[in-house]
């Protein structure tokens, strides 16, 4: 009858160390992948926001016909994308992240201070 192989405590420790190292590498790779995906998403979002920043930052949003707007200081709400929300100075917002929505933040004077998609 063949004898069963015996494992020494040293073999068990080596096996556990190898498994731990493999798991650590797997976890590090997953974290690096997540980091790359987040950076890519951030870059995509920034690319979408840049044109709106150029058009809106520092301007007040008004509900006037485009032809009657002071283009240096105002921007018509009618020219915003169809899906947006405006956050007044001092007001909170829901933490719902809707990728297609343009969120516009106003300062205390009612001028656009920041914006983002989501």
PDB file of N, CA and C in Angstrom:
ATOM      1  N   UNK A   1       0.828  -1.168   0.000  1.00  0.00           N
ATOM      2  CA  UNK A   1       0.000   0.000   0.000  1.00  0.00           C
ATOM      3  C   UNK A   1       0.880   1.241   0.000  1.00  0.00           C
ATOM      4  N   UNK A   2       0.585   2.198  -0.938  1.00  0.00           N
ATOM      5  CA  UNK A   2       1.435   3.384  -0.996  1.00  0.00           C
ATOM      6  C   UNK A   2       1.197   4.276   0.219  1.00  0.00           C
ATOM      7  N   UNK A   3       2.254   4.903   0.620  1.00  0.00           N
ATOM      8  CA  UNK A   3       2.125   5.789   1.782  1.00  0.00           C
ATOM      9  C   UNK A   3       1.653   7.159   1.319  1.00  0.00           C
ATOM     10  N   UNK A   4       0.873   7.804   2.160  1.00  0.00           N
ATOM     11  CA  UNK A   4       0.390   9.144   1.809  1.00  0.00           C
ATOM     12  C   UNK A   4       1.506  10.148   2.055  1.00  0.00           C
ATOM     13  N   UNK A   5       1.551  11.155   1.197  1.00  0.00           N
ATOM     14  CA  UNK A   5       2.627  12.133   1.379  1.00  0.00           C
ATOM     15  C   UNK A   5       2.409  12.928   2.672  1.00  0.00           C
ATOM     16  N   UNK A   6       3.472  13.250   3.304  1.00  0.00           N
ATOM     17  CA  UNK A   6       3.388  14.035   4.536  1.00  0.00           C
ATOM     18  C   UNK A   6       3.884  15.440   4.234  1.00  0.00           C
ATOM     19  N   UNK A   7       3.249  16.385   4.865  1.00  0.00           N
ATOM     20  CA  UNK A   7       3.649  17.784   4.700  1.00  0.00           C
ATOM     21  C   UNK A   7       4.209  18.285   6.015  1.00  0.00           C
ATOM     22  N   UNK A   8       5.325  18.892   5.911  1.00  0.00           N
ATOM     23  CA  UNK A   8       5.934  19.448   7.114  1.00  0.00           C
ATOM     24  C   UNK A   8       5.309  20.813   7.402  1.00  0.00           C
ATOM     25  N   UNK A   9       5.420  21.290   8.609  1.00  0.00           N
ATOM     26  CA  UNK A   9       4.902  22.622   8.944  1.00  0.00           C
ATOM     27  C   UNK A   9       5.539  23.694   8.059  1.00  0.00           C
ATOM     28  N   UNK A  10       6.780  23.472   7.652  1.00  0.00           N
ATOM     29  CA  UNK A  10       7.465  24.437   6.791  1.00  0.00           C
ATOM     30  C   UNK A  10       6.791  24.486   5.412  1.00  0.00           C
ATOM     31  N   UNK A  11       6.385  23.330   4.873  1.00  0.00           N
ATOM     32  CA  UNK A  11       5.675  23.286   3.586  1.00  0.00           C
ATOM     33  C   UNK A  11       4.361  24.043   3.676  1.00  0.00           C
ATOM     34  N   UNK A  12       3.648  23.885   4.796  1.00  0.00           N
ATOM     35  CA  UNK A  12       2.365  24.560   4.993  1.00  0.00           C
ATOM     36  C   UNK A  12       2.569  26.071   5.044  1.00  0.00           C
ATOM     37  N   UNK A  13       3.614  26.523   5.753  1.00  0.00           N
ATOM     38  CA  UNK A  13       3.903  27.956   5.840  1.00  0.00           C
ATOM     39  C   UNK A  13       4.257  28.516   4.466  1.00  0.00           C
ATOM     40  N   UNK A  14       5.044  27.785   3.687  1.00  0.00           N
ATOM     41  CA  UNK A  14       5.427  28.232   2.342  1.00  0.00           C
ATOM     42  C   UNK A  14       4.196  28.351   1.454  1.00  0.00           C
ATOM     43  N   UNK A  15       3.301  27.369   1.557  1.00  0.00           N
ATOM     44  CA  UNK A  15       2.080  27.377   0.764  1.00  0.00           C
ATOM     45  C   UNK A  15       1.190  28.562   1.154  1.00  0.00           C
ATOM     46  N   UNK A  16       1.064  28.830   2.441  1.00  0.00           N
ATOM     47  CA  UNK A  16       0.251  29.947   2.913  1.00  0.00           C
ATOM     48  C   UNK A  16       0.864  31.280   2.478  1.00  0.00           C
ATOM     49  N   UNK A  17       2.188  31.372   2.538  1.00  0.00           N
ATOM     50  CA  UNK A  17       2.872  32.595   2.108  1.00  0.00           C
ATOM     51  C   UNK A  17       2.654  32.838   0.619  1.00  0.00           C
ATOM     52  N   UNK A  18       2.729  31.784  -0.180  1.00  0.00           N
ATOM     53  CA  UNK A  18       2.511  31.891  -1.619  1.00  0.00           C
ATOM     54  C   UNK A  18       1.080  32.333  -1.912  1.00  0.00           C
ATOM     55  N   UNK A  19       0.118  31.736  -1.182  1.00  0.00           N
ATOM     56  CA  UNK A  19      -1.283  32.126  -1.371  1.00  0.00           C
ATOM     57  C   UNK A  19      -1.504  33.587  -0.978  1.00  0.00           C
ATOM     58  N   UNK A  20      -0.904  34.017   0.120  1.00  0.00           N
ATOM     59  CA  UNK A  20      -1.048  35.403   0.572  1.00  0.00           C
ATOM     60  C   UNK A  20      -0.425  36.365  -0.444  1.00  0.00           C
ATOM     61  N   UNK A  21       0.745  36.002  -0.963  1.00  0.00           N
ATOM     62  CA  UNK A  21       1.403  36.857  -1.959  1.00  0.00           C
ATOM     63  C   UNK A  21       0.571  36.950  -3.233  1.00  0.00           C
ATOM     64  N   UNK A  22       0.005  35.823  -3.649  1.00  0.00           N
ATOM     65  CA  UNK A  22      -0.842  35.807  -4.848  1.00  0.00           C
ATOM     66  C   UNK A  22      -2.081  36.666  -4.629  1.00  0.00           C
ATOM     67  N   UNK A  23      -2.694  36.560  -3.470  1.00  0.00           N
ATOM     68  CA  UNK A  23      -3.886  37.357  -3.150  1.00  0.00           C
ATOM     69  C   UNK A  23      -3.536  38.848  -3.095  1.00  0.00           C
ATOM     70  N   UNK A  24      -2.379  39.178  -2.527  1.00  0.00           N
ATOM     71  CA  UNK A  24      -1.946  40.580  -2.470  1.00  0.00           C
ATOM     72  C   UNK A  24      -1.745  41.148  -3.873  1.00  0.00           C
ATOM     73  N   UNK A  25      -1.138  40.343  -4.767  1.00  0.00           N
ATOM     74  CA  UNK A  25      -0.932  40.791  -6.150  1.00  0.00           C
ATOM     75  C   UNK A  25      -2.272  40.985  -6.853  1.00  0.00           C
ATOM     76  N   UNK A  26      -3.188  40.066  -6.631  1.00  0.00           N
ATOM     77  CA  UNK A  26      -4.520  40.151  -7.234  1.00  0.00           C
ATOM     78  C   UNK A  26      -5.246  41.405  -6.757  1.00  0.00           C
ATOM     79  N   UNK A  27      -5.154  41.675  -5.461  1.00  0.00           N
ATOM     80  CA  UNK A  27      -5.807  42.846  -4.886  1.00  0.00           C
ATOM     81  C   UNK A  27      -5.161  44.132  -5.410  1.00  0.00           C
ATOM     82  N   UNK A  28      -3.848  44.164  -5.503  1.00  0.00           N
ATOM     83  CA  UNK A  28      -3.152  45.351  -6.021  1.00  0.00           C
ATOM     84  C   UNK A  28      -3.530  45.602  -7.478  1.00  0.00           C
ATOM     85  N   UNK A  29      -3.642  44.549  -8.269  1.00  0.00           N
ATOM     86  CA  UNK A  29      -4.039  44.692  -9.670  1.00  0.00           C
ATOM     87  C   UNK A  29      -5.462  45.219  -9.783  1.00  0.00           C
ATOM     88  N   UNK A  30      -6.352  44.727  -8.924  1.00  0.00           N
ATOM     89  CA  UNK A  30      -7.745  45.192  -8.933  1.00  0.00           C
ATOM     90  C   UNK A  30      -7.819  46.661  -8.534  1.00  0.00           C
ATOM     91  N   UNK A  31      -7.046  47.072  -7.539  1.00  0.00           N
ATOM     92  CA  UNK A  31      -7.021  48.474  -7.109  1.00  0.00           C
ATOM     93  C   UNK A  31      -6.451  49.371  -8.203  1.00  0.00           C
ATOM     94  N   UNK A  32      -5.409  48.912  -8.885  1.00  0.00           N
ATOM     95  CA  UNK A  32      -4.825  49.691  -9.979  1.00  0.00           C
ATOM     96  C   UNK A  32      -5.813  49.827 -11.135  1.00  0.00           C
ATOM     97  N   UNK A  33      -6.549  48.753 -11.415  1.00  0.00           N
ATOM     98  CA  UNK A  33      -7.559  48.803 -12.472  1.00  0.00           C
ATOM     99  C   UNK A  33      -8.666  49.790 -12.116  1.00  0.00           C
ATOM    100  N   UNK A  34      -9.117  49.759 -10.875  1.00  0.00           N
ATOM    101  CA  UNK A  34     -10.145  50.693 -10.416  1.00  0.00           C
ATOM    102  C   UNK A  34      -9.644  52.129 -10.525  1.00  0.00           C
ATOM    103  N   UNK A  35      -8.410  52.362 -10.128  1.00  0.00           N
ATOM    104  CA  UNK A  35      -7.803  53.702 -10.219  1.00  0.00           C
ATOM    105  C   UNK A  35      -7.786  54.181 -11.665  1.00  0.00           C
ATOM    106  N   UNK A  36      -7.384  53.319 -12.598  1.00  0.00           N
ATOM    107  CA  UNK A  36      -7.345  53.691 -14.026  1.00  0.00           C
ATOM    108  C   UNK A  36      -8.741  54.014 -14.540  1.00  0.00           C
ATOM    109  N   UNK A  37      -9.732  53.204 -14.156  1.00  0.00           N
ATOM    110  CA  UNK A  37     -11.116  53.457 -14.598  1.00  0.00           C
ATOM    111  C   UNK A  37     -11.640  54.775 -14.040  1.00  0.00           C
ATOM    112  N   UNK A  38     -11.317  55.080 -12.783  1.00  0.00           N
ATOM    113  CA  UNK A  38     -11.759  56.339 -12.182  1.00  0.00           C
ATOM    114  C   UNK A  38     -11.087  57.531 -12.865  1.00  0.00           C
ATOM    115  N   UNK A  39      -9.805  57.411 -13.177  1.00  0.00           N
ATOM    116  CA  UNK A  39      -9.100  58.486 -13.869  1.00  0.00           C
ATOM    117  C   UNK A  39      -9.674  58.709 -15.265  1.00  0.00           C
ATOM    118  N   UNK A  40     -10.002  57.631 -15.957  1.00  0.00           N
ATOM    119  CA  UNK A  40     -10.601  57.736 -17.283  1.00  0.00           C
ATOM    120  C   UNK A  40     -11.976  58.403 -17.203  1.00  0.00           C
ATOM    121  N   UNK A  41     -12.772  58.006 -16.227  1.00  0.00           N
ATOM    122  CA  UNK A  41     -14.101  58.612 -16.038  1.00  0.00           C
ATOM    123  C   UNK A  41     -13.966  60.100 -15.722  1.00  0.00           C
ATOM    124  N   UNK A  42     -13.007  60.443 -14.868  1.00  0.00           N
ATOM    125  CA  UNK A  42     -12.764  61.843 -14.525  1.00  0.00           C
ATOM    126  C   UNK A  42     -12.364  62.640 -15.766  1.00  0.00           C
ATOM    127  N   UNK A  43     -11.496  62.067 -16.593  1.00  0.00           N
ATOM    128  CA  UNK A  43     -11.058  62.747 -17.814  1.00  0.00           C
ATOM    129  C   UNK A  43     -12.220  62.943 -18.781  1.00  0.00           C
ATOM    130  N   UNK A  44     -13.081  61.935 -18.911  1.00  0.00           N
ATOM    131  CA  UNK A  44     -14.255  62.053 -19.788  1.00  0.00           C
ATOM    132  C   UNK A  44     -15.188  63.148 -19.283  1.00  0.00           C
ATOM    133  N   UNK A  45     -15.405  63.161 -17.985  1.00  0.00           N
ATOM    134  CA  UNK A  45     -16.297  64.161 -17.394  1.00  0.00           C
ATOM    135  C   UNK A  45     -15.713  65.561 -17.589  1.00  0.00           C
ATOM    136  N   UNK A  46     -14.408  65.710 -17.351  1.00  0.00           N
ATOM    137  CA  UNK A  46     -13.756  67.011 -17.517  1.00  0.00           C
ATOM    138  C   UNK A  46     -13.858  67.482 -18.965  1.00  0.00           C
ATOM    139  N   UNK A  47     -13.727  66.564 -19.902  1.00  0.00           N
ATOM    140  CA  UNK A  47     -13.830  66.902 -21.323  1.00  0.00           C
ATOM    141  C   UNK A  47     -15.227  67.434 -21.653  1.00  0.00           C
ATOM    142  N   UNK A  48     -16.251  66.876 -21.053  1.00  0.00           N
ATOM    143  CA  UNK A  48     -17.627  67.347 -21.275  1.00  0.00           C
ATOM    144  C   UNK A  48     -17.874  68.688 -20.590  1.00  0.00           C
ATOM    145  N   UNK A  49     -17.226  68.923 -19.440  1.00  0.00           N
ATOM    146  CA  UNK A  49     -17.469  70.142 -18.672  1.00  0.00           C
ATOM    147  C   UNK A  49     -16.747  71.357 -19.227  1.00  0.00           C
ATOM    148  N   UNK A  50     -15.589  71.152 -19.851  1.00  0.00           N
ATOM    149  CA  UNK A  50     -14.758  72.268 -20.301  1.00  0.00           C
ATOM    150  C   UNK A  50     -15.516  73.294 -21.146  1.00  0.00           C
ATOM    151  N   UNK A  51     -16.275  72.886 -22.175  1.00  0.00           N
ATOM    152  CA  UNK A  51     -16.985  73.885 -22.978  1.00  0.00           C
ATOM    153  C   UNK A  51     -18.023  74.669 -22.158  1.00  0.00           C
ATOM    154  N   UNK A  52     -18.677  73.991 -21.228  1.00  0.00           N
ATOM    155  CA  UNK A  52     -19.662  74.683 -20.397  1.00  0.00           C
ATOM    156  C   UNK A  52     -18.986  75.635 -19.427  1.00  0.00           C
ATOM    157  N   UNK A  53     -17.849  75.271 -18.902  1.00  0.00           N
ATOM    158  CA  UNK A  53     -17.109  76.168 -18.015  1.00  0.00           C
ATOM    159  C   UNK A  53     -16.754  77.458 -18.751  1.00  0.00           C
ATOM    160  N   UNK A  54     -16.278  77.312 -19.982  1.00  0.00           N
ATOM    161  CA  UNK A  54     -15.897  78.487 -20.768  1.00  0.00           C
ATOM    162  C   UNK A  54     -17.099  79.408 -21.000  1.00  0.00           C
ATOM    163  N   UNK A  55     -18.269  78.843 -21.154  1.00  0.00           N
ATOM    164  CA  UNK A  55     -19.469  79.624 -21.436  1.00  0.00           C
ATOM    165  C   UNK A  55     -20.148  80.184 -20.186  1.00  0.00           C
ATOM    166  N   UNK A  56     -20.024  79.502 -19.042  1.00  0.00           N
ATOM    167  CA  UNK A  56     -20.837  79.848 -17.883  1.00  0.00           C
ATOM    168  C   UNK A  56     -20.122  80.478 -16.694  1.00  0.00           C
ATOM    169  N   UNK A  57     -18.901  80.073 -16.420  1.00  0.00           N
ATOM    170  CA  UNK A  57     -18.255  80.507 -15.184  1.00  0.00           C
ATOM    171  C   UNK A  57     -18.219  82.031 -15.068  1.00  0.00           C
ATOM    172  N   UNK A  58     -18.674  82.518 -13.920  1.00  0.00           N
ATOM    173  CA  UNK A  58     -18.680  83.953 -13.640  1.00  0.00           C
ATOM    174  C   UNK A  58     -19.914  84.685 -14.149  1.00  0.00           C
ATOM    175  N   UNK A  59     -20.785  84.006 -14.874  1.00  0.00           N
ATOM    176  CA  UNK A  59     -21.976  84.658 -15.439  1.00  0.00           C
ATOM    177  C   UNK A  59     -23.208  84.346 -14.598  1.00  0.00           C
ATOM    178  N   UNK A  60     -24.192  85.242 -14.691  1.00  0.00           N
ATOM    179  CA  UNK A  60     -25.476  85.011 -14.044  1.00  0.00           C
ATOM    180  C   UNK A  60     -26.407  84.350 -15.038  1.00  0.00           C
ATOM    181  N   UNK A  61     -27.196  83.410 -14.556  1.00  0.00           N
ATOM    182  CA  UNK A  61     -28.180  82.743 -15.407  1.00  0.00           C
ATOM    183  C   UNK A  61     -29.450  83.576 -15.413  1.00  0.00           C
ATOM    184  N   UNK A  62     -29.951  83.858 -16.600  1.00  0.00           N
ATOM    185  CA  UNK A  62     -31.151  84.688 -16.729  1.00  0.00           C
ATOM    186  C   UNK A  62     -32.155  84.005 -17.640  1.00  0.00           C
ATOM    187  N   UNK A  63     -33.402  84.361 -17.458  1.00  0.00           N
ATOM    188  CA  UNK A  63     -34.470  83.815 -18.282  1.00  0.00           C
ATOM    189  C   UNK A  63     -34.958  84.917 -19.227  1.00  0.00           C
ATOM    190  N   UNK A  64     -34.090  85.284 -20.158  1.00  0.00           N
ATOM    191  CA  UNK A  64     -34.391  86.311 -21.150  1.00  0.00           C
ATOM    192  C   UNK A  64     -34.129  85.731 -22.531  1.00  0.00           C
ATOM    193  N   UNK A  65     -34.708  86.339 -23.548  1.00  0.00           N
ATOM    194  CA  UNK A  65     -34.349  85.914 -24.902  1.00  0.00           C
ATOM    195  C   UNK A  65     -32.854  86.151 -25.138  1.00  0.00           C
ATOM    196  N   UNK A  66     -32.243  85.282 -25.893  1.00  0.00           N
ATOM    197  CA  UNK A  66     -30.802  85.351 -26.144  1.00  0.00           C
ATOM    198  C   UNK A  66     -30.379  86.703 -26.708  1.00  0.00           C
ATOM    199  N   UNK A  67     -31.215  87.307 -27.544  1.00  0.00           N
ATOM    200  CA  UNK A  67     -30.850  88.577 -28.177  1.00  0.00           C
ATOM    201  C   UNK A  67     -30.772  89.739 -27.186  1.00  0.00           C
ATOM    202  N   UNK A  68     -31.331  89.596 -25.984  1.00  0.00           N
ATOM    203  CA  UNK A  68     -31.343  90.682 -24.999  1.00  0.00           C
ATOM    204  C   UNK A  68     -30.378  90.435 -23.840  1.00  0.00           C
ATOM    205  N   UNK A  69     -29.428  89.573 -24.042  1.00  0.00           N
ATOM    206  CA  UNK A  69     -28.512  89.191 -22.964  1.00  0.00           C
ATOM    207  C   UNK A  69     -27.204  89.970 -23.063  1.00  0.00           C
ATOM    208  N   UNK A  70     -26.706  90.369 -21.910  1.00  0.00           N
ATOM    209  CA  UNK A  70     -25.362  90.930 -21.810  1.00  0.00           C
ATOM    210  C   UNK A  70     -24.411  89.731 -21.829  1.00  0.00           C
ATOM    211  N   UNK A  71     -23.817  89.426 -22.985  1.00  0.00           N
ATOM    212  CA  UNK A  71     -23.040  88.196 -23.162  1.00  0.00           C
ATOM    213  C   UNK A  71     -21.812  88.099 -22.270  1.00  0.00           C
ATOM    214  N   UNK A  72     -21.344  89.237 -21.765  1.00  0.00           N
ATOM    215  CA  UNK A  72     -20.170  89.217 -20.900  1.00  0.00           C
ATOM    216  C   UNK A  72     -20.540  88.738 -19.502  1.00  0.00           C
ATOM    217  N   UNK A  73     -21.733  89.113 -19.037  1.00  0.00           N
ATOM    218  CA  UNK A  73     -22.105  88.840 -17.646  1.00  0.00           C
ATOM    219  C   UNK A  73     -23.287  87.900 -17.468  1.00  0.00           C
ATOM    220  N   UNK A  74     -23.967  87.533 -18.549  1.00  0.00           N
ATOM    221  CA  UNK A  74     -25.185  86.731 -18.422  1.00  0.00           C
ATOM    222  C   UNK A  74     -25.185  85.555 -19.392  1.00  0.00           C
ATOM    223  N   UNK A  75     -25.996  84.560 -19.045  1.00  0.00           N
ATOM    224  CA  UNK A  75     -26.178  83.396 -19.910  1.00  0.00           C
ATOM    225  C   UNK A  75     -27.637  82.979 -19.800  1.00  0.00           C
ATOM    226  N   UNK A  76     -28.267  82.727 -20.942  1.00  0.00           N
ATOM    227  CA  UNK A  76     -29.674  82.363 -20.955  1.00  0.00           C
ATOM    228  C   UNK A  76     -29.880  80.919 -20.503  1.00  0.00           C
ATOM    229  N   UNK A  77     -30.797  80.742 -19.586  1.00  0.00           N
ATOM    230  CA  UNK A  77     -31.157  79.402 -19.127  1.00  0.00           C
ATOM    231  C   UNK A  77     -31.641  78.557 -20.306  1.00  0.00           C
ATOM    232  N   UNK A  78     -32.229  79.202 -21.286  1.00  0.00           N
ATOM    233  CA  UNK A  78     -32.765  78.493 -22.451  1.00  0.00           C
ATOM    234  C   UNK A  78     -31.677  77.807 -23.277  1.00  0.00           C
ATOM    235  N   UNK A  79     -30.426  78.218 -23.090  1.00  0.00           N
ATOM    236  CA  UNK A  79     -29.320  77.614 -23.833  1.00  0.00           C
ATOM    237  C   UNK A  79     -28.643  76.468 -23.076  1.00  0.00           C
ATOM    238  N   UNK A  80     -29.110  76.190 -21.876  1.00  0.00           N
ATOM    239  CA  UNK A  80     -28.555  75.070 -21.116  1.00  0.00           C
ATOM    240  C   UNK A  80     -29.010  73.758 -21.739  1.00  0.00           C
ATOM    241  N   UNK A  81     -28.290  72.673 -21.455  1.00  0.00           N
ATOM    242  CA  UNK A  81     -28.757  71.375 -21.957  1.00  0.00           C
ATOM    243  C   UNK A  81     -30.126  71.058 -21.351  1.00  0.00           C
ATOM    244  N   UNK A  82     -30.802  70.115 -21.925  1.00  0.00           N
ATOM    245  CA  UNK A  82     -32.168  69.814 -21.482  1.00  0.00           C
ATOM    246  C   UNK A  82     -32.233  69.263 -20.059  1.00  0.00           C
ATOM    247  N   UNK A  83     -31.168  68.669 -19.569  1.00  0.00           N
ATOM    248  CA  UNK A  83     -31.171  68.064 -18.243  1.00  0.00           C
ATOM    249  C   UNK A  83     -30.137  68.760 -17.373  1.00  0.00           C
ATOM    250  N   UNK A  84     -30.597  69.617 -16.480  1.00  0.00           N
ATOM    251  CA  UNK A  84     -29.694  70.365 -15.612  1.00  0.00           C
ATOM    252  C   UNK A  84     -30.374  70.621 -14.267  1.00  0.00           C
ATOM    253  N   UNK A  85     -29.567  71.048 -13.307  1.00  0.00           N
ATOM    254  CA  UNK A  85     -30.100  71.549 -12.041  1.00  0.00           C
ATOM    255  C   UNK A  85     -29.190  72.672 -11.579  1.00  0.00           C
ATOM    256  N   UNK A  86     -29.776  73.600 -10.851  1.00  0.00           N
ATOM    257  CA  UNK A  86     -29.045  74.762 -10.342  1.00  0.00           C
ATOM    258  C   UNK A  86     -29.067  74.700  -8.824  1.00  0.00           C
ATOM    259  N   UNK A  87     -27.895  74.793  -8.226  1.00  0.00           N
ATOM    260  CA  UNK A  87     -27.768  74.775  -6.772  1.00  0.00           C
ATOM    261  C   UNK A  87     -27.432  76.197  -6.321  1.00  0.00           C
ATOM    262  N   UNK A  88     -28.389  76.808  -5.638  1.00  0.00           N
ATOM    263  CA  UNK A  88     -28.205  78.167  -5.124  1.00  0.00           C
ATOM    264  C   UNK A  88     -27.151  78.166  -4.019  1.00  0.00           C
ATOM    265  N   UNK A  89     -26.503  79.303  -3.823  1.00  0.00           N
ATOM    266  CA  UNK A  89     -25.527  79.463  -2.754  1.00  0.00           C
ATOM    267  C   UNK A  89     -26.183  79.154  -1.407  1.00  0.00           C
ATOM    268  N   UNK A  90     -25.536  78.337  -0.597  1.00  0.00           N
ATOM    269  CA  UNK A  90     -26.029  78.015   0.733  1.00  0.00           C
ATOM    270  C   UNK A  90     -27.030  76.879   0.780  1.00  0.00           C
ATOM    271  N   UNK A  91     -27.442  76.373  -0.364  1.00  0.00           N
ATOM    272  CA  UNK A  91     -28.402  75.267  -0.405  1.00  0.00           C
ATOM    273  C   UNK A  91     -27.658  73.946  -0.549  1.00  0.00           C
ATOM    274  N   UNK A  92     -28.230  72.914   0.006  1.00  0.00           N
ATOM    275  CA  UNK A  92     -27.663  71.573  -0.125  1.00  0.00           C
ATOM    276  C   UNK A  92     -28.162  70.926  -1.404  1.00  0.00           C
ATOM    277  N   UNK A  93     -27.675  69.738  -1.652  1.00  0.00           N
ATOM    278  CA  UNK A  93     -28.111  69.001  -2.828  1.00  0.00           C
ATOM    279  C   UNK A  93     -28.226  67.533  -2.475  1.00  0.00           C
ATOM    280  N   UNK A  94     -29.047  66.836  -3.221  1.00  0.00           N
ATOM    281  CA  UNK A  94     -29.142  65.394  -3.068  1.00  0.00           C
ATOM    282  C   UNK A  94     -27.878  64.764  -3.602  1.00  0.00           C
ATOM    283  N   UNK A  95     -27.481  63.672  -3.037  1.00  0.00           N
ATOM    284  CA  UNK A  95     -26.263  62.987  -3.475  1.00  0.00           C
ATOM    285  C   UNK A  95     -26.559  61.961  -4.551  1.00  0.00           C
ATOM    286  N   UNK A  96     -27.436  62.303  -5.462  1.00  0.00           N
ATOM    287  CA  UNK A  96     -27.719  61.404  -6.578  1.00  0.00           C
ATOM    288  C   UNK A  96     -26.830  61.813  -7.747  1.00  0.00           C
ATOM    289  N   UNK A  97     -26.091  60.894  -8.252  1.00  0.00           N
ATOM    290  CA  UNK A  97     -25.116  61.173  -9.299  1.00  0.00           C
ATOM    291  C   UNK A  97     -25.684  60.715 -10.632  1.00  0.00           C
ATOM    292  N   UNK A  98     -26.256  61.642 -11.373  1.00  0.00           N
ATOM    293  CA  UNK A  98     -26.816  61.327 -12.678  1.00  0.00           C
ATOM    294  C   UNK A  98     -25.882  61.884 -13.747  1.00  0.00           C
ATOM    295  N   UNK A  99     -25.209  60.980 -14.404  1.00  0.00           N
ATOM    296  CA  UNK A  99     -24.130  61.301 -15.326  1.00  0.00           C
ATOM    297  C   UNK A  99     -24.505  62.302 -16.418  1.00  0.00           C
ATOM    298  N   UNK A 100     -25.734  62.281 -16.877  1.00  0.00           N
ATOM    299  CA  UNK A 100     -26.149  63.135 -17.989  1.00  0.00           C
ATOM    300  C   UNK A 100     -26.582  64.531 -17.546  1.00  0.00           C
ATOM    301  N   UNK A 101     -26.736  64.742 -16.248  1.00  0.00           N
ATOM    302  CA  UNK A 101     -27.246  66.025 -15.759  1.00  0.00           C
ATOM    303  C   UNK A 101     -26.110  67.007 -15.498  1.00  0.00           C
ATOM    304  N   UNK A 102     -26.285  68.235 -15.976  1.00  0.00           N
ATOM    305  CA  UNK A 102     -25.340  69.310 -15.690  1.00  0.00           C
ATOM    306  C   UNK A 102     -25.786  69.962 -14.385  1.00  0.00           C
ATOM    307  N   UNK A 103     -24.918  69.939 -13.388  1.00  0.00           N
ATOM    308  CA  UNK A 103     -25.205  70.577 -12.105  1.00  0.00           C
ATOM    309  C   UNK A 103     -24.412  71.872 -12.051  1.00  0.00           C
ATOM    310  N   UNK A 104     -25.119  72.966 -11.789  1.00  0.00           N
ATOM    311  CA  UNK A 104     -24.523  74.307 -11.797  1.00  0.00           C
ATOM    312  C   UNK A 104     -24.600  74.870 -10.386  1.00  0.00           C
ATOM    313  N   UNK A 105     -23.475  75.347  -9.868  1.00  0.00           N
ATOM    314  CA  UNK A 105     -23.397  75.914  -8.523  1.00  0.00           C
ATOM    315  C   UNK A 105     -23.243  77.423  -8.633  1.00  0.00           C
ATOM    316  N   UNK A 106     -24.092  78.154  -7.898  1.00  0.00           N
ATOM    317  CA  UNK A 106     -24.048  79.608  -7.922  1.00  0.00           C
ATOM    318  C   UNK A 106     -23.370  80.143  -6.668  1.00  0.00           C
ATOM    319  N   UNK A 107     -22.721  81.302  -6.806  1.00  0.00           N
ATOM    320  CA  UNK A 107     -22.142  81.951  -5.633  1.00  0.00           C
ATOM    321  C   UNK A 107     -23.200  82.828  -4.973  1.00  0.00           C
ATOM    322  N   UNK A 108     -22.826  83.541  -3.925  1.00  0.00           N
ATOM    323  CA  UNK A 108     -23.815  84.324  -3.177  1.00  0.00           C
ATOM    324  C   UNK A 108     -24.416  85.463  -4.000  1.00  0.00           C
ATOM    325  N   UNK A 109     -23.734  85.879  -5.073  1.00  0.00           N
ATOM    326  CA  UNK A 109     -24.257  86.935  -5.945  1.00  0.00           C
ATOM    327  C   UNK A 109     -25.077  86.384  -7.106  1.00  0.00           C
ATOM    328  N   UNK A 110     -25.216  85.060  -7.185  1.00  0.00           N
ATOM    329  CA  UNK A 110     -25.999  84.438  -8.236  1.00  0.00           C
ATOM    330  C   UNK A 110     -25.221  84.128  -9.502  1.00  0.00           C
ATOM    331  N   UNK A 111     -23.909  84.291  -9.489  1.00  0.00           N
ATOM    332  CA  UNK A 111     -23.073  83.973 -10.642  1.00  0.00           C
ATOM    333  C   UNK A 111     -22.625  82.510 -10.554  1.00  0.00           C
ATOM    334  N   UNK A 112     -22.387  81.905 -11.691  1.00  0.00           N
ATOM    335  CA  UNK A 112     -21.941  80.509 -11.732  1.00  0.00           C
ATOM    336  C   UNK A 112     -20.517  80.434 -11.193  1.00  0.00           C
ATOM    337  N   UNK A 113     -20.340  79.643 -10.140  1.00  0.00           N
ATOM    338  CA  UNK A 113     -18.995  79.504  -9.558  1.00  0.00           C
ATOM    339  C   UNK A 113     -18.363  78.166  -9.899  1.00  0.00           C
ATOM    340  N   UNK A 114     -19.212  77.153 -10.213  1.00  0.00           N
ATOM    341  CA  UNK A 114     -18.686  75.828 -10.529  1.00  0.00           C
ATOM    342  C   UNK A 114     -19.776  75.041 -11.233  1.00  0.00           C
ATOM    343  N   UNK A 115     -19.387  73.971 -11.903  1.00  0.00           N
ATOM    344  CA  UNK A 115     -20.350  73.090 -12.541  1.00  0.00           C
ATOM    345  C   UNK A 115     -19.725  71.729 -12.735  1.00  0.00           C
ATOM    346  N   UNK A 116     -20.585  70.753 -12.932  1.00  0.00           N
ATOM    347  CA  UNK A 116     -20.101  69.396 -13.208  1.00  0.00           C
ATOM    348  C   UNK A 116     -21.244  68.576 -13.777  1.00  0.00           C
ATOM    349  N   UNK A 117     -20.898  67.536 -14.486  1.00  0.00           N
ATOM    350  CA  UNK A 117     -21.895  66.570 -14.919  1.00  0.00           C
ATOM    351  C   UNK A 117     -21.975  65.509 -13.845  1.00  0.00           C
ATOM    352  N   UNK A 118     -23.184  65.165 -13.477  1.00  0.00           N
ATOM    353  CA  UNK A 118     -23.379  64.153 -12.459  1.00  0.00           C
ATOM    354  C   UNK A 118     -24.188  64.695 -11.323  1.00  0.00           C
TER     355      UNK A 118
END
